[in-house]
Amino acid sequence: TADEAEAEFARNGDIRLRQALLPLVTRRRLGRFEEAM
C-alpha cells in the first residue's frame, strides 16, 4: 500500500526497489514475463 511504501522509503530509502530489480531481470531473461510484470 501507499502508506506502507512511504514508511518503508522513510526507513530505508530505495534499497528495496534496488533489490527488486534483480529478480525482475532474472525472470525476464528466463522468459517468465508474467512473473516479471
Full PDB file with SEQRES, HELIX, SHEET, SSBOND, CRYST1, ORIGX, SCALE, CONECT and MASTER records, all heavy atoms in Angstrom:
SEQRES   1 A   37  THR ALA ASP GLU ALA GLU ALA GLU PHE ALA ARG ASN GLY          
SEQRES   2 A   37  ASP ILE ARG LEU ARG GLN ALA LEU LEU PRO LEU VAL THR          
SEQRES   3 A   37  ARG ARG ARG LEU GLY ARG PHE GLU GLU ALA MET                  
HELIX    1 AA1 ALA A    2  ASN A   12  1                                  11    
HELIX    2 AA2 ILE A   15  ARG A   29  1                                  15    
HELIX    3 AA3 PHE A   33  ALA A   36  1                                   4    
CRYST1    1.000    1.000    1.000  90.00  90.00  90.00 P 1           1          
ORIGX1      1.000000  0.000000  0.000000        0.00000                         
ORIGX2      0.000000  1.000000  0.000000        0.00000                         
ORIGX3      0.000000  0.000000  1.000000        0.00000                         
SCALE1      1.000000  0.000000  0.000000        0.00000                         
SCALE2      0.000000  1.000000  0.000000        0.00000                         
SCALE3      0.000000  0.000000  1.000000        0.00000                         
ATOM      1  N   THR A   1       0.833  -1.202   0.000  1.00  0.00           N  
ATOM      2  CA  THR A   1       0.000   0.000   0.000  1.00  0.00           C  
ATOM      3  C   THR A   1       0.864   1.247   0.000  1.00  0.00           C  
ATOM      4  O   THR A   1       2.060   1.198   0.316  1.00  0.00           O  
ATOM      5  CB  THR A   1      -0.902   0.036   1.244  1.00  0.00           C  
ATOM      6  OG1 THR A   1      -0.076   0.217   2.414  1.00  0.00           O  
ATOM      7  CG2 THR A   1      -1.717  -1.253   1.373  1.00  0.00           C  
ATOM      8  N   ALA A   2       0.244   2.372  -0.326  1.00  0.00           N  
ATOM      9  CA  ALA A   2       0.980   3.633  -0.374  1.00  0.00           C  
ATOM     10  C   ALA A   2       1.542   4.003   0.995  1.00  0.00           C  
ATOM     11  O   ALA A   2       2.694   4.448   1.108  1.00  0.00           O  
ATOM     12  CB  ALA A   2       0.069   4.746  -0.893  1.00  0.00           C  
ATOM     13  N   ASP A   3       0.756   3.812   2.059  1.00  0.00           N  
ATOM     14  CA  ASP A   3       1.229   4.153   3.405  1.00  0.00           C  
ATOM     15  C   ASP A   3       2.425   3.302   3.800  1.00  0.00           C  
ATOM     16  O   ASP A   3       3.419   3.812   4.342  1.00  0.00           O  
ATOM     17  CB  ASP A   3       0.098   3.972   4.423  1.00  0.00           C  
ATOM     18  CG  ASP A   3      -0.982   5.034   4.272  1.00  0.00           C  
ATOM     19  OD1 ASP A   3      -0.704   6.061   3.613  1.00  0.00           O  
ATOM     20  OD2 ASP A   3      -2.097   4.828   4.789  1.00  0.00           O  
ATOM     21  N   GLU A   4       2.332   1.997   3.544  1.00  0.00           N  
ATOM     22  CA  GLU A   4       3.446   1.114   3.885  1.00  0.00           C  
ATOM     23  C   GLU A   4       4.675   1.436   3.042  1.00  0.00           C  
ATOM     24  O   GLU A   4       5.812   1.356   3.527  1.00  0.00           O  
ATOM     25  CB  GLU A   4       3.037  -0.345   3.692  1.00  0.00           C  
ATOM     26  CG  GLU A   4       2.006  -0.833   4.694  1.00  0.00           C  
ATOM     27  CD  GLU A   4       1.527  -2.240   4.363  1.00  0.00           C  
ATOM     28  OE1 GLU A   4       0.625  -2.390   3.520  1.00  0.00           O  
ATOM     29  OE2 GLU A   4       2.087  -3.181   4.959  1.00  0.00           O  
ATOM     30  N   ALA A   5       4.448   1.803   1.795  1.00  0.00           N  
ATOM     31  CA  ALA A   5       5.573   2.146   0.924  1.00  0.00           C  
ATOM     32  C   ALA A   5       6.272   3.407   1.406  1.00  0.00           C  
ATOM     33  O   ALA A   5       7.508   3.485   1.422  1.00  0.00           O  
ATOM     34  CB  ALA A   5       5.079   2.334  -0.505  1.00  0.00           C  
ATOM     35  N   GLU A   6       5.497   4.402   1.809  1.00  0.00           N  
ATOM     36  CA  GLU A   6       6.108   5.637   2.300  1.00  0.00           C  
ATOM     37  C   GLU A   6       6.884   5.393   3.593  1.00  0.00           C  
ATOM     38  O   GLU A   6       7.968   5.958   3.808  1.00  0.00           O  
ATOM     39  CB  GLU A   6       5.033   6.695   2.509  1.00  0.00           C  
ATOM     40  CG  GLU A   6       4.444   7.214   1.199  1.00  0.00           C  
ATOM     41  CD  GLU A   6       3.345   8.236   1.417  1.00  0.00           C  
ATOM     42  OE1 GLU A   6       3.173   8.690   2.566  1.00  0.00           O  
ATOM     43  OE2 GLU A   6       2.648   8.575   0.449  1.00  0.00           O  
ATOM     44  N   ALA A   7       6.351   4.536   4.463  1.00  0.00           N  
ATOM     45  CA  ALA A   7       7.056   4.203   5.703  1.00  0.00           C  
ATOM     46  C   ALA A   7       8.352   3.459   5.404  1.00  0.00           C  
ATOM     47  O   ALA A   7       9.402   3.723   6.002  1.00  0.00           O  
ATOM     48  CB  ALA A   7       6.153   3.367   6.610  1.00  0.00           C  
ATOM     49  N   GLU A   8       8.305   2.521   4.469  1.00  0.00           N  
ATOM     50  CA  GLU A   8       9.498   1.770   4.077  1.00  0.00           C  
ATOM     51  C   GLU A   8      10.548   2.694   3.478  1.00  0.00           C  
ATOM     52  O   GLU A   8      11.731   2.616   3.801  1.00  0.00           O  
ATOM     53  CB  GLU A   8       9.122   0.683   3.071  1.00  0.00           C  
ATOM     54  CG  GLU A   8      10.277   0.097   2.280  1.00  0.00           C  
ATOM     55  CD  GLU A   8      11.320  -0.588   3.136  1.00  0.00           C  
ATOM     56  OE1 GLU A   8      10.961  -1.129   4.212  1.00  0.00           O  
ATOM     57  OE2 GLU A   8      12.504  -0.588   2.747  1.00  0.00           O  
ATOM     58  N   PHE A   9      10.103   3.613   2.612  1.00  0.00           N  
ATOM     59  CA  PHE A   9      11.043   4.524   1.976  1.00  0.00           C  
ATOM     60  C   PHE A   9      11.665   5.469   2.998  1.00  0.00           C  
ATOM     61  O   PHE A   9      12.849   5.800   2.916  1.00  0.00           O  
ATOM     62  CB  PHE A   9      10.342   5.317   0.876  1.00  0.00           C  
ATOM     63  CG  PHE A   9      11.282   6.163   0.073  1.00  0.00           C  
ATOM     64  CD1 PHE A   9      12.114   5.577  -0.863  1.00  0.00           C  
ATOM     65  CD2 PHE A   9      11.338   7.525   0.249  1.00  0.00           C  
ATOM     66  CE1 PHE A   9      13.002   6.347  -1.606  1.00  0.00           C  
ATOM     67  CE2 PHE A   9      12.213   8.307  -0.484  1.00  0.00           C  
ATOM     68  CZ  PHE A   9      13.044   7.713  -1.423  1.00  0.00           C  
ATOM     69  N   ALA A  10      10.881   5.904   3.972  1.00  0.00           N  
ATOM     70  CA  ALA A  10      11.411   6.786   5.021  1.00  0.00           C  
ATOM     71  C   ALA A  10      12.494   6.075   5.831  1.00  0.00           C  
ATOM     72  O   ALA A  10      13.463   6.700   6.277  1.00  0.00           O  
ATOM     73  CB  ALA A  10      10.283   7.249   5.933  1.00  0.00           C  
ATOM     74  N   ARG A  11      12.345   4.763   6.027  1.00  0.00           N  
ATOM     75  CA  ARG A  11      13.339   3.998   6.805  1.00  0.00           C  
ATOM     76  C   ARG A  11      14.584   3.688   5.982  1.00  0.00           C  
ATOM     77  O   ARG A  11      15.706   3.893   6.443  1.00  0.00           O  
ATOM     78  CB  ARG A  11      12.723   2.679   7.282  1.00  0.00           C  
ATOM     79  CG  ARG A  11      11.750   2.786   8.429  1.00  0.00           C  
ATOM     80  CD  ARG A  11      11.433   1.407   9.000  1.00  0.00           C  
ATOM     81  NE  ARG A  11      10.894   0.512   7.984  1.00  0.00           N  
ATOM     82  CZ  ARG A  11       9.598   0.386   7.714  1.00  0.00           C  
ATOM     83  NH1 ARG A  11       8.712   1.110   8.387  1.00  0.00           N  
ATOM     84  NH2 ARG A  11       9.188  -0.452   6.780  1.00  0.00           N  
ATOM     85  N   ASN A  12      14.377   3.163   4.768  1.00  0.00           N  
ATOM     86  CA  ASN A  12      15.494   2.578   4.026  1.00  0.00           C  
ATOM     87  C   ASN A  12      15.744   3.196   2.654  1.00  0.00           C  
ATOM     88  O   ASN A  12      16.576   2.693   1.905  1.00  0.00           O  
ATOM     89  CB  ASN A  12      15.254   1.072   3.844  1.00  0.00           C  
ATOM     90  CG  ASN A  12      15.188   0.340   5.167  1.00  0.00           C  
ATOM     91  OD1 ASN A  12      16.036   0.544   6.029  1.00  0.00           O  
ATOM     92  ND2 ASN A  12      14.178  -0.502   5.334  1.00  0.00           N  
ATOM     93  N   GLY A  13      15.031   4.266   2.324  1.00  0.00           N  
ATOM     94  CA  GLY A  13      15.220   4.848   1.002  1.00  0.00           C  
ATOM     95  C   GLY A  13      14.796   3.878  -0.087  1.00  0.00           C  
ATOM     96  O   GLY A  13      13.811   3.159   0.058  1.00  0.00           O  
ATOM     97  N   ASP A  14      15.554   3.816  -1.185  1.00  0.00           N  
ATOM     98  CA  ASP A  14      15.151   2.997  -2.326  1.00  0.00           C  
ATOM     99  C   ASP A  14      15.822   1.622  -2.339  1.00  0.00           C  
ATOM    100  O   ASP A  14      15.857   0.957  -3.372  1.00  0.00           O  
ATOM    101  CB  ASP A  14      15.442   3.731  -3.642  1.00  0.00           C  
ATOM    102  CG  ASP A  14      16.929   4.064  -3.814  1.00  0.00           C  
ATOM    103  OD1 ASP A  14      17.750   3.545  -3.037  1.00  0.00           O  
ATOM    104  OD2 ASP A  14      17.256   4.836  -4.730  1.00  0.00           O  
ATOM    105  N   ILE A  15      16.351   1.179  -1.185  1.00  0.00           N  
ATOM    106  CA  ILE A  15      17.060  -0.098  -1.144  1.00  0.00           C  
ATOM    107  C   ILE A  15      16.181  -1.245  -1.623  1.00  0.00           C  
ATOM    108  O   ILE A  15      16.602  -2.080  -2.432  1.00  0.00           O  
ATOM    109  CB  ILE A  15      17.570  -0.396   0.288  1.00  0.00           C  
ATOM    110  CG1 ILE A  15      18.638   0.625   0.704  1.00  0.00           C  
ATOM    111  CG2 ILE A  15      18.137  -1.809   0.370  1.00  0.00           C  
ATOM    112  CD1 ILE A  15      19.859   0.632  -0.160  1.00  0.00           C  
ATOM    113  N   ARG A  16      14.942  -1.314  -1.163  1.00  0.00           N  
ATOM    114  CA  ARG A  16      14.061  -2.412  -1.560  1.00  0.00           C  
ATOM    115  C   ARG A  16      13.769  -2.365  -3.066  1.00  0.00           C  
ATOM    116  O   ARG A  16      13.622  -3.402  -3.715  1.00  0.00           O  
ATOM    117  CB  ARG A  16      12.746  -2.358  -0.776  1.00  0.00           C  
ATOM    118  CG  ARG A  16      12.900  -2.543   0.721  1.00  0.00           C  
ATOM    119  CD  ARG A  16      13.034  -4.013   1.097  1.00  0.00           C  
ATOM    120  NE  ARG A  16      11.820  -4.758   0.883  1.00  0.00           N  
ATOM    121  CZ  ARG A  16      10.778  -4.776   1.704  1.00  0.00           C  
ATOM    122  NH1 ARG A  16      10.809  -4.027   2.811  1.00  0.00           N  
ATOM    123  NH2 ARG A  16       9.720  -5.511   1.462  1.00  0.00           N  
ATOM    124  N   LEU A  17      13.665  -1.149  -3.612  1.00  0.00           N  
ATOM    125  CA  LEU A  17      13.429  -1.007  -5.046  1.00  0.00           C  
ATOM    126  C   LEU A  17      14.648  -1.508  -5.822  1.00  0.00           C  
ATOM    127  O   LEU A  17      14.521  -2.183  -6.850  1.00  0.00           O  
ATOM    128  CB  LEU A  17      13.137   0.453  -5.382  1.00  0.00           C  
ATOM    129  CG  LEU A  17      12.321   0.748  -6.651  1.00  0.00           C  
ATOM    130  CD1 LEU A  17      10.983   0.035  -6.627  1.00  0.00           C  
ATOM    131  CD2 LEU A  17      12.136   2.244  -6.815  1.00  0.00           C  
ATOM    132  N   ARG A  18      15.841  -1.178  -5.321  1.00  0.00           N  
ATOM    133  CA  ARG A  18      17.075  -1.662  -5.938  1.00  0.00           C  
ATOM    134  C   ARG A  18      17.116  -3.188  -5.926  1.00  0.00           C  
ATOM    135  O   ARG A  18      17.447  -3.832  -6.923  1.00  0.00           O  
ATOM    136  CB  ARG A  18      18.294  -1.128  -5.197  1.00  0.00           C  
ATOM    137  CG  ARG A  18      18.542   0.349  -5.344  1.00  0.00           C  
ATOM    138  CD  ARG A  18      19.610   0.818  -4.355  1.00  0.00           C  
ATOM    139  NE  ARG A  18      19.832   2.236  -4.501  1.00  0.00           N  
ATOM    140  CZ  ARG A  18      20.669   2.781  -5.387  1.00  0.00           C  
ATOM    141  NH1 ARG A  18      21.369   2.002  -6.174  1.00  0.00           N  
ATOM    142  NH2 ARG A  18      20.807   4.081  -5.464  1.00  0.00           N  
ATOM    143  N   GLN A  19      16.801  -3.755  -4.757  1.00  0.00           N  
ATOM    144  CA  GLN A  19      16.876  -5.206  -4.621  1.00  0.00           C  
ATOM    145  C   GLN A  19      15.870  -5.909  -5.533  1.00  0.00           C  
ATOM    146  O   GLN A  19      16.142  -7.007  -6.031  1.00  0.00           O  
ATOM    147  CB  GLN A  19      16.641  -5.601  -3.167  1.00  0.00           C  
ATOM    148  CG  GLN A  19      17.774  -5.163  -2.233  1.00  0.00           C  
ATOM    149  CD  GLN A  19      17.455  -5.425  -0.775  1.00  0.00           C  
ATOM    150  OE1 GLN A  19      16.289  -5.474  -0.385  1.00  0.00           O  
ATOM    151  NE2 GLN A  19      18.484  -5.564   0.047  1.00  0.00           N  
ATOM    152  N   ALA A  20      14.715  -5.282  -5.775  1.00  0.00           N  
ATOM    153  CA  ALA A  20      13.689  -5.904  -6.623  1.00  0.00           C  
ATOM    154  C   ALA A  20      14.091  -5.921  -8.091  1.00  0.00           C  
ATOM    155  O   ALA A  20      13.500  -6.664  -8.889  1.00  0.00           O  
ATOM    156  CB  ALA A  20      12.362  -5.153  -6.461  1.00  0.00           C  
ATOM    157  N   LEU A  21      15.084  -5.130  -8.470  1.00  0.00           N  
ATOM    158  CA  LEU A  21      15.498  -5.097  -9.866  1.00  0.00           C  
ATOM    159  C   LEU A  21      16.045  -6.446 -10.331  1.00  0.00           C  
ATOM    160  O   LEU A  21      15.783  -6.870 -11.460  1.00  0.00           O  
ATOM    161  CB  LEU A  21      16.576  -4.018 -10.075  1.00  0.00           C  
ATOM    162  CG  LEU A  21      16.061  -2.597 -10.255  1.00  0.00           C  
ATOM    163  CD1 LEU A  21      17.193  -1.600 -10.055  1.00  0.00           C  
ATOM    164  CD2 LEU A  21      15.440  -2.425 -11.629  1.00  0.00           C  
ATOM    165  N   LEU A  22      16.788  -7.115  -9.458  1.00  0.00           N  
ATOM    166  CA  LEU A  22      17.440  -8.342  -9.897  1.00  0.00           C  
ATOM    167  C   LEU A  22      16.459  -9.479 -10.162  1.00  0.00           C  
ATOM    168  O   LEU A  22      16.537 -10.123 -11.219  1.00  0.00           O  
ATOM    169  CB  LEU A  22      18.505  -8.770  -8.886  1.00  0.00           C  
ATOM    170  CG  LEU A  22      19.472  -9.813  -9.421  1.00  0.00           C  
ATOM    171  CD1 LEU A  22      20.145  -9.333 -10.693  1.00  0.00           C  
ATOM    172  CD2 LEU A  22      20.529 -10.144  -8.383  1.00  0.00           C  
ATOM    173  N   PRO A  23      15.519  -9.791  -9.262  1.00  0.00           N  
ATOM    174  CA  PRO A  23      14.548 -10.831  -9.622  1.00  0.00           C  
ATOM    175  C   PRO A  23      13.707 -10.452 -10.842  1.00  0.00           C  
ATOM    176  O   PRO A  23      13.289 -11.323 -11.604  1.00  0.00           O  
ATOM    177  CB  PRO A  23      13.684 -10.968  -8.368  1.00  0.00           C  
ATOM    178  CG  PRO A  23      13.887  -9.710  -7.587  1.00  0.00           C  
ATOM    179  CD  PRO A  23      15.297  -9.303  -7.889  1.00  0.00           C  
ATOM    180  N   LEU A  24      13.479  -9.156 -11.036  1.00  0.00           N  
ATOM    181  CA  LEU A  24      12.765  -8.695 -12.229  1.00  0.00           C  
ATOM    182  C   LEU A  24      13.529  -9.089 -13.488  1.00  0.00           C  
ATOM    183  O   LEU A  24      12.981  -9.702 -14.408  1.00  0.00           O  
ATOM    184  CB  LEU A  24      12.599  -7.175 -12.153  1.00  0.00           C  
ATOM    185  CG  LEU A  24      12.051  -6.478 -13.401  1.00  0.00           C  
ATOM    186  CD1 LEU A  24      10.584  -6.783 -13.562  1.00  0.00           C  
ATOM    187  CD2 LEU A  24      12.293  -4.979 -13.326  1.00  0.00           C  
ATOM    188  N   VAL A  25      14.818  -8.755 -13.517  1.00  0.00           N  
ATOM    189  CA  VAL A  25      15.637  -9.022 -14.700  1.00  0.00           C  
ATOM    190  C   VAL A  25      15.852 -10.530 -14.890  1.00  0.00           C  
ATOM    191  O   VAL A  25      15.842 -11.035 -16.015  1.00  0.00           O  
ATOM    192  CB  VAL A  25      16.985  -8.281 -14.588  1.00  0.00           C  
ATOM    193  CG1 VAL A  25      17.918  -8.679 -15.721  1.00  0.00           C  
ATOM    194  CG2 VAL A  25      16.759  -6.771 -14.595  1.00  0.00           C  
ATOM    195  N   THR A  26      16.041 -11.247 -13.784  1.00  0.00           N  
ATOM    196  CA  THR A  26      16.249 -12.695 -13.881  1.00  0.00           C  
ATOM    197  C   THR A  26      15.052 -13.377 -14.522  1.00  0.00           C  
ATOM    198  O   THR A  26      15.193 -14.205 -15.438  1.00  0.00           O  
ATOM    199  CB  THR A  26      16.499 -13.298 -12.491  1.00  0.00           C  
ATOM    200  OG1 THR A  26      17.659 -12.681 -11.911  1.00  0.00           O  
ATOM    201  CG2 THR A  26      16.722 -14.795 -12.580  1.00  0.00           C  
ATOM    202  N   ARG A  27      13.856 -13.051 -14.081  1.00  0.00           N  
ATOM    203  CA  ARG A  27      12.654 -13.661 -14.638  1.00  0.00           C  
ATOM    204  C   ARG A  27      12.453 -13.260 -16.095  1.00  0.00           C  
ATOM    205  O   ARG A  27      12.012 -14.062 -16.919  1.00  0.00           O  
ATOM    206  CB  ARG A  27      11.432 -13.293 -13.782  1.00  0.00           C  
ATOM    207  CG  ARG A  27      11.378 -14.103 -12.492  1.00  0.00           C  
ATOM    208  CD  ARG A  27      10.592 -13.398 -11.404  1.00  0.00           C  
ATOM    209  NE  ARG A  27      10.479 -14.217 -10.208  1.00  0.00           N  
ATOM    210  CZ  ARG A  27      11.446 -14.411  -9.327  1.00  0.00           C  
ATOM    211  NH1 ARG A  27      12.639 -13.839  -9.523  1.00  0.00           N  
ATOM    212  NH2 ARG A  27      11.260 -15.162  -8.263  1.00  0.00           N  
ATOM    213  N   ARG A  28      12.781 -12.036 -16.396  1.00  0.00           N  
ATOM    214  CA  ARG A  28      12.656 -11.566 -17.773  1.00  0.00           C  
ATOM    215  C   ARG A  28      13.613 -12.340 -18.688  1.00  0.00           C  
ATOM    216  O   ARG A  28      13.243 -12.760 -19.787  1.00  0.00           O  
ATOM    217  CB  ARG A  28      12.965 -10.076 -17.809  1.00  0.00           C  
ATOM    218  CG  ARG A  28      12.568  -9.369 -19.080  1.00  0.00           C  
ATOM    219  CD  ARG A  28      12.773  -7.887 -18.900  1.00  0.00           C  
ATOM    220  NE  ARG A  28      14.170  -7.507 -18.941  1.00  0.00           N  
ATOM    221  CZ  ARG A  28      14.675  -6.430 -18.357  1.00  0.00           C  
ATOM    222  NH1 ARG A  28      13.908  -5.631 -17.636  1.00  0.00           N  
ATOM    223  NH2 ARG A  28      15.951  -6.147 -18.466  1.00  0.00           N  
ATOM    224  N   ARG A  29      14.826 -12.533 -18.220  1.00  0.00           N  
ATOM    225  CA  ARG A  29      15.825 -13.252 -19.014  1.00  0.00           C  
ATOM    226  C   ARG A  29      15.411 -14.689 -19.279  1.00  0.00           C  
ATOM    227  O   ARG A  29      15.730 -15.259 -20.320  1.00  0.00           O  
ATOM    228  CB  ARG A  29      17.171 -13.210 -18.277  1.00  0.00           C  
ATOM    229  CG  ARG A  29      18.280 -13.995 -18.934  1.00  0.00           C  
ATOM    230  CD  ARG A  29      19.610 -13.709 -18.250  1.00  0.00           C  
ATOM    231  NE  ARG A  29      19.544 -13.915 -16.822  1.00  0.00           N  
ATOM    232  CZ  ARG A  29      19.637 -15.094 -16.221  1.00  0.00           C  
ATOM    233  NH1 ARG A  29      19.765 -16.187 -16.936  1.00  0.00           N  
ATOM    234  NH2 ARG A  29      19.606 -15.189 -14.903  1.00  0.00           N  
ATOM    235  N   LEU A  30      14.672 -15.289 -18.330  1.00  0.00           N  
ATOM    236  CA  LEU A  30      14.246 -16.677 -18.468  1.00  0.00           C  
ATOM    237  C   LEU A  30      12.920 -16.817 -19.215  1.00  0.00           C  
ATOM    238  O   LEU A  30      12.418 -17.933 -19.400  1.00  0.00           O  
ATOM    239  CB  LEU A  30      14.119 -17.316 -17.082  1.00  0.00           C  
ATOM    240  CG  LEU A  30      15.422 -17.433 -16.282  1.00  0.00           C  
ATOM    241  CD1 LEU A  30      15.131 -17.959 -14.885  1.00  0.00           C  
ATOM    242  CD2 LEU A  30      16.422 -18.325 -17.000  1.00  0.00           C  
ATOM    243  N   GLY A  31      12.324 -15.706 -19.633  1.00  0.00           N  
ATOM    244  CA  GLY A  31      11.058 -15.770 -20.351  1.00  0.00           C  
ATOM    245  C   GLY A  31       9.844 -15.875 -19.447  1.00  0.00           C  
ATOM    246  O   GLY A  31       8.747 -16.162 -19.926  1.00  0.00           O  
ATOM    247  N   ARG A  32      10.014 -15.623 -18.164  1.00  0.00           N  
ATOM    248  CA  ARG A  32       8.885 -15.684 -17.222  1.00  0.00           C  
ATOM    249  C   ARG A  32       8.306 -14.275 -17.096  1.00  0.00           C  
ATOM    250  O   ARG A  32       8.397 -13.610 -16.072  1.00  0.00           O  
ATOM    251  CB  ARG A  32       9.374 -16.251 -15.889  1.00  0.00           C  
ATOM    252  CG  ARG A  32       9.791 -17.711 -16.034  1.00  0.00           C  
ATOM    253  CD  ARG A  32      10.731 -18.234 -14.968  1.00  0.00           C  
ATOM    254  NE  ARG A  32      10.154 -18.262 -13.633  1.00  0.00           N  
ATOM    255  CZ  ARG A  32      10.671 -18.955 -12.614  1.00  0.00           C  
ATOM    256  NH1 ARG A  32      11.747 -19.712 -12.809  1.00  0.00           N  
ATOM    257  NH2 ARG A  32      10.118 -18.920 -11.430  1.00  0.00           N  
ATOM    258  N   PHE A  33       7.695 -13.839 -18.197  1.00  0.00           N  
ATOM    259  CA  PHE A  33       7.327 -12.430 -18.327  1.00  0.00           C  
ATOM    260  C   PHE A  33       6.185 -12.027 -17.395  1.00  0.00           C  
ATOM    261  O   PHE A  33       6.174 -10.901 -16.884  1.00  0.00           O  
ATOM    262  CB  PHE A  33       6.965 -12.121 -19.782  1.00  0.00           C  
ATOM    263  CG  PHE A  33       8.087 -12.381 -20.742  1.00  0.00           C  
ATOM    264  CD1 PHE A  33       7.933 -13.238 -21.813  1.00  0.00           C  
ATOM    265  CD2 PHE A  33       9.316 -11.766 -20.565  1.00  0.00           C  
ATOM    266  CE1 PHE A  33       8.961 -13.480 -22.696  1.00  0.00           C  
ATOM    267  CE2 PHE A  33      10.367 -12.002 -21.436  1.00  0.00           C  
ATOM    268  CZ  PHE A  33      10.185 -12.863 -22.506  1.00  0.00           C  
ATOM    269  N   GLU A  34       5.221 -12.882 -17.178  1.00  0.00           N  
ATOM    270  CA  GLU A  34       4.119 -12.520 -16.300  1.00  0.00           C  
ATOM    271  C   GLU A  34       4.610 -12.347 -14.875  1.00  0.00           C  
ATOM    272  O   GLU A  34       4.179 -11.435 -14.160  1.00  0.00           O  
ATOM    273  CB  GLU A  34       3.006 -13.571 -16.369  1.00  0.00           C  
ATOM    274  CG  GLU A  34       1.786 -13.229 -15.524  1.00  0.00           C  
ATOM    275  CD  GLU A  34       1.256 -11.821 -15.767  1.00  0.00           C  
ATOM    276  OE1 GLU A  34       1.196 -11.390 -16.940  1.00  0.00           O  
ATOM    277  OE2 GLU A  34       0.919 -11.131 -14.778  1.00  0.00           O  
ATOM    278  N   GLU A  35       5.536 -13.191 -14.438  1.00  0.00           N  
ATOM    279  CA  GLU A  35       6.118 -13.032 -13.101  1.00  0.00           C  
ATOM    280  C   GLU A  35       6.888 -11.718 -13.015  1.00  0.00           C  
ATOM    281  O   GLU A  35       6.840 -11.018 -11.988  1.00  0.00           O  
ATOM    282  CB  GLU A  35       7.052 -14.197 -12.782  1.00  0.00           C  
ATOM    283  CG  GLU A  35       6.355 -15.534 -12.636  1.00  0.00           C  
ATOM    284  CD  GLU A  35       7.345 -16.644 -12.353  1.00  0.00           C  
ATOM    285  OE1 GLU A  35       8.308 -16.405 -11.615  1.00  0.00           O  
ATOM    286  OE2 GLU A  35       7.164 -17.760 -12.877  1.00  0.00           O  
ATOM    287  N   ALA A  36       7.614 -11.388 -14.072  1.00  0.00           N  
ATOM    288  CA  ALA A  36       8.358 -10.130 -14.092  1.00  0.00           C  
ATOM    289  C   ALA A  36       7.414  -8.938 -14.024  1.00  0.00           C  
ATOM    290  O   ALA A  36       7.656  -7.970 -13.282  1.00  0.00           O  
ATOM    291  CB  ALA A  36       9.227 -10.058 -15.342  1.00  0.00           C  
ATOM    292  N   MET A  37       6.324  -8.990 -14.790  1.00  0.00           N  
ATOM    293  CA  MET A  37       5.365  -7.892 -14.767  1.00  0.00           C  
ATOM    294  C   MET A  37       4.669  -7.791 -13.406  1.00  0.00           C  
ATOM    295  O   MET A  37       4.310  -6.693 -12.959  1.00  0.00           O  
ATOM    296  CB  MET A  37       4.333  -8.073 -15.870  1.00  0.00           C  
ATOM    297  CG  MET A  37       4.872  -7.796 -17.273  1.00  0.00           C  
ATOM    298  SD  MET A  37       5.477  -6.094 -17.468  1.00  0.00           S  
ATOM    299  CE  MET A  37       3.947  -5.176 -17.323  1.00  0.00           C  
TER     300      MET A  37                                                      
MASTER        0    0    0    3    0    0    0    6  299    1    0    3          
END                                                                             
